[in-house]
Amino acid sequence: MPNQFTALIVDDERLARKDLISTLPRHPNINVVGEADYLSTTSITKKKSNFKSV
């Protein structure tokens, strides 16, 4: 099995985030743990999740 990746989707455009999230199920080695619209929101989300990069 390929390496598993945990992803947090960050984009200020909601539709761009939704589009990317809708395409990721084709890649079973990517697990989306959340989404954020700004990096400032990301820092809060990152503290609550177990991943190493954004």
N, C-alpha and C. Protein backbone atom coordinates (compact mmCIF):
# COMPACT_ATOMS: atom_id res chain seq x y z
N MET A 1 0.85 -1.19 0.00
CA MET A 1 0.00 0.00 0.00
C MET A 1 0.89 1.24 0.00
N PRO A 2 0.54 2.24 -0.80
CA PRO A 2 1.33 3.47 -0.84
C PRO A 2 1.27 4.22 0.50
N ASN A 3 2.19 5.16 0.66
CA ASN A 3 2.19 5.99 1.87
C ASN A 3 0.86 6.70 2.02
N GLN A 4 0.42 6.85 3.26
CA GLN A 4 -0.80 7.60 3.56
C GLN A 4 -0.43 9.04 3.86
N PHE A 5 -1.20 9.97 3.34
CA PHE A 5 -0.99 11.39 3.56
C PHE A 5 -2.23 11.99 4.20
N THR A 6 -2.02 12.88 5.15
CA THR A 6 -3.10 13.60 5.78
C THR A 6 -3.07 15.03 5.26
N ALA A 7 -4.20 15.52 4.80
CA ALA A 7 -4.23 16.84 4.16
C ALA A 7 -5.23 17.77 4.82
N LEU A 8 -4.84 19.01 4.90
CA LEU A 8 -5.72 20.10 5.30
C LEU A 8 -5.78 21.04 4.10
N ILE A 9 -6.96 21.24 3.55
CA ILE A 9 -7.13 22.06 2.36
C ILE A 9 -7.32 23.52 2.78
N VAL A 10 -6.44 24.39 2.29
CA VAL A 10 -6.50 25.82 2.63
C VAL A 10 -6.57 26.63 1.34
N ASP A 11 -7.65 27.37 1.19
CA ASP A 11 -7.82 28.27 0.04
C ASP A 11 -8.88 29.28 0.43
N ASP A 12 -8.68 30.53 0.07
CA ASP A 12 -9.65 31.56 0.44
C ASP A 12 -10.91 31.50 -0.41
N GLU A 13 -10.89 30.70 -1.47
CA GLU A 13 -12.08 30.55 -2.31
C GLU A 13 -12.79 29.24 -1.97
N ARG A 14 -13.98 29.34 -1.43
CA ARG A 14 -14.74 28.18 -1.00
C ARG A 14 -14.95 27.18 -2.12
N LEU A 15 -15.29 27.66 -3.32
CA LEU A 15 -15.54 26.75 -4.43
C LEU A 15 -14.27 26.00 -4.85
N ALA A 16 -13.13 26.64 -4.77
CA ALA A 16 -11.87 25.97 -5.09
C ALA A 16 -11.60 24.85 -4.08
N ARG A 17 -11.85 25.13 -2.79
CA ARG A 17 -11.68 24.08 -1.77
C ARG A 17 -12.61 22.92 -2.04
N LYS A 18 -13.87 23.20 -2.30
CA LYS A 18 -14.85 22.15 -2.55
C LYS A 18 -14.48 21.32 -3.77
N ASP A 19 -13.99 21.98 -4.82
CA ASP A 19 -13.60 21.27 -6.03
C ASP A 19 -12.44 20.32 -5.75
N LEU A 20 -11.43 20.80 -5.05
CA LEU A 20 -10.29 19.95 -4.72
C LEU A 20 -10.71 18.79 -3.83
N ILE A 21 -11.50 19.07 -2.82
CA ILE A 21 -11.96 18.02 -1.91
C ILE A 21 -12.77 16.97 -2.66
N SER A 22 -13.54 17.39 -3.65
CA SER A 22 -14.36 16.43 -4.40
C SER A 22 -13.52 15.53 -5.30
N THR A 23 -12.32 15.97 -5.69
CA THR A 23 -11.47 15.14 -6.54
C THR A 23 -10.56 14.20 -5.75
N LEU A 24 -10.33 14.48 -4.50
CA LEU A 24 -9.39 13.69 -3.72
C LEU A 24 -9.83 12.25 -3.43
N PRO A 25 -11.10 11.92 -3.38
CA PRO A 25 -11.47 10.52 -3.14
C PRO A 25 -10.90 9.54 -4.17
N ARG A 26 -10.51 10.04 -5.33
CA ARG A 26 -9.87 9.19 -6.33
C ARG A 26 -8.48 8.75 -5.89
N HIS A 27 -7.96 9.36 -4.85
CA HIS A 27 -6.63 9.05 -4.32
C HIS A 27 -6.80 8.51 -2.90
N PRO A 28 -6.94 7.20 -2.76
CA PRO A 28 -7.24 6.62 -1.45
C PRO A 28 -6.13 6.79 -0.42
N ASN A 29 -4.93 7.19 -0.85
CA ASN A 29 -3.85 7.40 0.11
C ASN A 29 -3.84 8.81 0.70
N ILE A 30 -4.84 9.65 0.34
CA ILE A 30 -4.94 11.00 0.89
C ILE A 30 -6.18 11.09 1.76
N ASN A 31 -5.97 11.46 3.01
CA ASN A 31 -7.06 11.61 3.97
C ASN A 31 -7.23 13.09 4.30
N VAL A 32 -8.34 13.68 3.90
CA VAL A 32 -8.60 15.09 4.18
C VAL A 32 -9.18 15.20 5.59
N VAL A 33 -8.49 15.96 6.45
CA VAL A 33 -8.93 16.11 7.83
C VAL A 33 -9.70 17.40 8.06
N GLY A 34 -9.67 18.30 7.07
CA GLY A 34 -10.41 19.53 7.25
C GLY A 34 -10.09 20.53 6.17
N GLU A 35 -10.69 21.68 6.32
CA GLU A 35 -10.47 22.77 5.37
C GLU A 35 -10.49 24.09 6.11
N ALA A 36 -9.83 25.06 5.53
CA ALA A 36 -9.79 26.39 6.13
C ALA A 36 -9.72 27.43 5.01
N ASP A 37 -10.19 28.63 5.32
CA ASP A 37 -10.17 29.68 4.32
C ASP A 37 -8.94 30.58 4.43
N TYR A 38 -8.31 30.62 5.59
CA TYR A 38 -7.14 31.47 5.78
C TYR A 38 -6.12 30.75 6.64
N LEU A 39 -4.87 31.14 6.51
CA LEU A 39 -3.83 30.51 7.31
C LEU A 39 -4.04 30.73 8.80
N SER A 40 -4.61 31.86 9.18
CA SER A 40 -4.86 32.10 10.61
C SER A 40 -5.84 31.07 11.16
N THR A 41 -6.80 30.67 10.36
CA THR A 41 -7.73 29.61 10.76
C THR A 41 -7.00 28.28 10.82
N THR A 42 -6.05 28.09 9.94
CA THR A 42 -5.30 26.85 9.87
C THR A 42 -4.54 26.58 11.15
N SER A 43 -3.95 27.60 11.74
CA SER A 43 -3.17 27.38 12.96
C SER A 43 -4.03 26.80 14.06
N ILE A 44 -5.27 27.21 14.13
CA ILE A 44 -6.20 26.65 15.12
C ILE A 44 -6.51 25.20 14.77
N THR A 45 -6.80 24.93 13.52
CA THR A 45 -7.13 23.59 13.08
C THR A 45 -5.93 22.66 13.23
N LYS A 46 -4.74 23.14 12.93
CA LYS A 46 -3.55 22.31 13.00
C LYS A 46 -3.31 21.82 14.43
N LYS A 47 -3.60 22.65 15.42
CA LYS A 47 -3.41 22.24 16.81
C LYS A 47 -4.36 21.10 17.17
N LYS A 48 -5.49 21.00 16.49
CA LYS A 48 -6.49 19.99 16.82
C LYS A 48 -6.30 18.70 16.02
N SER A 49 -5.43 18.70 15.02
CA SER A 49 -5.24 17.56 14.15
C SER A 49 -3.81 17.03 14.25
N ASN A 50 -3.64 15.80 13.80
CA ASN A 50 -2.32 15.18 13.86
C ASN A 50 -1.74 15.10 12.46
N PHE A 51 -1.12 16.17 12.00
CA PHE A 51 -0.45 16.17 10.72
C PHE A 51 0.76 17.09 10.80
N LYS A 52 1.69 16.92 9.90
CA LYS A 52 2.97 17.61 10.01
C LYS A 52 3.11 18.83 9.13
N SER A 53 2.31 18.95 8.07
CA SER A 53 2.45 20.11 7.20
C SER A 53 1.11 20.51 6.61
N VAL A 54 1.08 21.74 6.14
CA VAL A 54 -0.14 22.28 5.53
C VAL A 54 0.19 22.62 4.10
